[in-house]
Amino acid sequence: MHVTYELAEQAMAAAIAESKKIGTQMCIAVVDSGADLKAFVRMDNAWVGSVDIAIKKAKTACFFAMNTGQIGQLSQPGGPLYGIEHSNDGLITFPGGVPIVDKDGVLIGAVGVSGSSVENDHRVAKAGAEAIGVSDLPEHPWRT
């Protein structure tokens, strides 16, 4: 299974609702399991610079099946993933990208959000992801 257009619309609606609830204007991207863009919105007055960041956060979360903030922790100088942000035409390694997992624990896509603090970005992305799946992947030997 993967994120269909209909599921992407549901995730987008939940993320927009969460953004409005906390009084922010966000750029929100939803990708499918191949990291292909399924839906995108730049809410009124959201930063133009956040467009690329939201899309890259969604792709990063999908490529590595983990929250972008987790990748950021692992990519600090001296860390096992140091420099990873330079791969794949550029990754984003701070919070706001959340993978979407189905009830069987299979990665089906991701949500990326940019436009506020990284804490708010993560909160809105998680709301979108959890509208159509779960945001936490099951344990896997290669995840740290």
Protein backbone atom coordinates (compact mmCIF):
# COMPACT_ATOMS: atom_id res chain seq x y z
CA MET A 1 0.00 0.00 0.00
CA HIS A 2 1.06 3.59 -0.50
CA VAL A 3 -0.35 7.06 0.05
CA THR A 4 -3.05 7.58 -2.55
CA TYR A 5 -4.30 11.00 -3.58
CA GLU A 6 -7.35 10.52 -1.33
CA LEU A 7 -5.17 9.63 1.66
CA ALA A 8 -2.89 12.56 0.90
CA GLU A 9 -5.92 14.86 1.00
CA GLN A 10 -6.90 13.47 4.42
CA ALA A 11 -3.37 13.96 5.77
CA MET A 12 -3.28 17.46 4.34
CA ALA A 13 -6.63 18.40 5.91
CA ALA A 14 -5.46 17.18 9.33
CA ALA A 15 -2.15 19.04 9.06
CA ILE A 16 -3.87 22.25 7.97
CA ALA A 17 -6.34 21.95 10.86
CA GLU A 18 -3.47 21.49 13.35
CA SER A 19 -1.60 24.44 11.87
CA LYS A 20 -4.67 26.65 12.21
CA LYS A 21 -5.24 25.38 15.76
CA ILE A 22 -1.81 26.62 16.83
CA GLY A 23 -2.02 29.82 14.77
CA THR A 24 0.69 29.16 12.19
CA GLN A 25 0.94 29.31 8.42
CA MET A 26 2.78 26.32 7.01
CA CYS A 27 3.99 24.72 3.84
CA ILE A 28 2.87 21.08 3.93
CA ALA A 29 4.00 18.26 1.64
CA VAL A 30 2.78 14.67 1.47
CA VAL A 31 4.77 12.03 -0.43
CA ASP A 32 4.05 8.40 -1.24
CA SER A 33 6.31 5.42 -0.47
CA GLY A 34 8.51 6.28 -3.46
CA ALA A 35 9.01 9.81 -2.06
CA ASP A 36 6.99 11.23 -4.95
CA LEU A 37 4.93 14.33 -4.15
CA LYS A 38 1.22 13.52 -3.80
CA ALA A 39 -0.06 16.79 -2.32
CA PHE A 40 1.32 20.18 -1.39
CA VAL A 41 -0.05 23.42 0.03
CA ARG A 42 1.50 26.75 0.90
CA MET A 43 -0.97 28.25 3.34
CA ASP A 44 -1.65 31.95 2.92
CA ASN A 45 1.32 34.02 4.15
CA ALA A 46 3.57 30.99 4.72
CA TRP A 47 7.21 31.68 3.90
CA VAL A 48 8.22 31.06 0.30
CA GLY A 49 11.51 29.60 1.57
CA SER A 50 9.54 26.91 3.38
CA VAL A 51 8.24 25.38 0.13
CA ASP A 52 11.49 23.52 -0.66
CA ILE A 53 12.12 22.70 2.99
CA ALA A 54 8.70 21.05 3.49
CA ILE A 55 9.11 18.91 0.39
CA LYS A 56 12.65 17.88 1.38
CA LYS A 57 11.53 17.06 4.92
CA ALA A 58 8.84 14.72 3.55
CA LYS A 59 11.31 13.07 1.17
CA THR A 60 13.98 12.73 3.87
CA ALA A 61 11.52 11.08 6.30
CA CYS A 62 10.44 8.70 3.54
CA PHE A 63 13.95 7.89 2.24
CA PHE A 64 15.17 6.84 5.70
CA ALA A 65 11.88 5.84 7.37
CA MET A 66 12.44 8.00 10.41
CA ASN A 67 11.61 11.44 11.72
CA THR A 68 13.91 14.07 10.28
CA GLY A 69 14.82 15.21 13.80
CA GLN A 70 16.19 11.72 14.52
CA ILE A 71 18.35 11.93 11.40
CA GLY A 72 19.56 15.31 12.61
CA GLN A 73 20.70 13.80 15.90
CA LEU A 74 22.63 11.11 14.04
CA SER A 75 24.19 13.54 11.56
CA GLN A 76 25.97 15.82 14.00
CA PRO A 77 29.78 16.12 13.70
CA GLY A 78 31.26 12.83 14.84
CA GLY A 79 27.92 11.05 14.41
CA PRO A 80 27.38 7.97 12.27
CA LEU A 81 25.45 9.92 9.60
CA TYR A 82 27.58 13.07 9.56
CA GLY A 83 27.27 14.73 6.14
CA ILE A 84 24.16 12.79 5.05
CA GLU A 85 22.29 16.02 4.30
CA HIS A 86 24.44 16.41 1.18
CA SER A 87 23.09 13.20 -0.36
CA ASN A 88 19.95 12.73 -2.49
CA ASP A 89 20.05 16.29 -3.89
CA GLY A 90 19.85 17.65 -0.35
CA LEU A 91 18.12 16.41 2.77
CA ILE A 92 16.66 18.25 5.73
CA THR A 93 17.87 16.94 9.07
CA PHE A 94 15.86 18.94 11.59
CA PRO A 95 12.31 18.22 12.87
CA GLY A 96 9.23 18.51 10.69
CA GLY A 97 9.38 15.37 8.53
CA VAL A 98 7.40 12.35 9.74
CA PRO A 99 7.04 8.95 8.07
CA ILE A 100 3.59 7.43 7.61
CA VAL A 101 3.24 3.76 8.47
CA ASP A 102 0.18 1.57 7.89
CA LYS A 103 -1.36 -0.71 10.52
CA ASP A 104 0.95 -3.54 9.41
CA GLY A 105 4.07 -1.46 10.07
CA VAL A 106 4.80 -0.79 6.39
CA LEU A 107 6.09 2.63 5.31
CA ILE A 108 3.51 4.14 2.92
CA GLY A 109 4.76 7.74 2.69
CA ALA A 110 5.64 10.80 4.74
CA VAL A 111 4.58 14.33 5.64
CA GLY A 112 6.93 17.31 5.67
CA VAL A 113 6.10 20.67 7.21
CA SER A 114 7.94 23.98 7.37
CA GLY A 115 6.99 27.48 8.42
CA SER A 116 7.28 27.81 12.17
CA SER A 117 9.48 26.51 14.97
CA VAL A 118 10.75 22.97 14.41
CA GLU A 119 8.58 21.86 17.34
CA ASN A 120 5.47 23.22 15.62
CA ASP A 121 6.58 21.81 12.27
CA HIS A 122 6.90 18.34 13.83
CA ARG A 123 3.54 18.66 15.60
CA VAL A 124 1.72 19.56 12.37
CA ALA A 125 3.50 16.85 10.36
CA LYS A 126 2.67 14.25 13.01
CA ALA A 127 -1.00 15.29 12.94
CA GLY A 128 -1.05 14.78 9.18
CA ALA A 129 0.69 11.42 9.37
CA GLU A 130 -1.51 10.11 12.17
CA ALA A 131 -4.69 11.03 10.25
CA ILE A 132 -4.00 8.19 7.81
CA GLY A 133 -1.62 5.88 9.64
CA VAL A 134 0.80 5.91 12.50
CA SER A 135 4.03 7.85 12.80
CA ASP A 136 6.15 5.33 14.67
CA LEU A 137 7.80 2.49 12.82
CA PRO A 138 8.17 -0.89 14.48
CA GLU A 139 11.56 -1.87 15.85
CA HIS A 140 14.07 -2.80 13.19
CA PRO A 141 17.68 -3.91 13.65
CA TRP A 142 19.22 -1.14 11.57
CA ARG A 143 17.39 1.72 13.26
CA THR A 144 19.36 3.44 16.00
